[in-house]
Amino acid sequence: MRPRSDITIVQGNAMANAPIYQIAFMFVFNQDFTNQKVQLNVADSNDFLVTDSQTAQLEAYSGNTTPPLLNFSVSGKQVFFNVSDGKTYGGMQALVWSSFTAGSPPTLQLDLAFSSGLITATYNVPGGSASGQLVSGRNTITIGK
């Protein structure tokens, strides 16, 4: 994926021995709101990876304009953003790289915090290996499912 000029890109250092996949998290706004936080925490031994070749990106959902953000951060165990003003049918898409624990099939456990009545959350691992709905609380993403 080629970085675009209208998105936020974060780079840093990370190490992982487990399989690595890019994951797209989509957050669609169900109604207008102000000041809503979205937080994804890795709840197992995996990490979000931020390296020269594995960048994190945050962009508007489905070609809409980017809603105003109060802040955005990515670390090894967390993706966080705070939307100051969200409009119905707008949203955000976060593209991140993550390690997945070795196993058959490999998994990634996440704890999510967001207003599930205001926001609908989904994920997709490009290449068709996994996709689905996310809920506020504990989620398990399984590759190959």
Foldseek 3Di string as FASTA:
>chain_A
DDDDPQKDKDADADDDPADKFKKKKKKAFAAKDFWWKKKKFFPDPKFWGGHPVWIKIKAKPPPDHDADWPDWDGDGTMTMTIGGIDHHRIIMMMIIMMGFDDDVFTKTKIAMDTDVVGIWMKMDTPPRQWIDTDDHGIDMTTGND
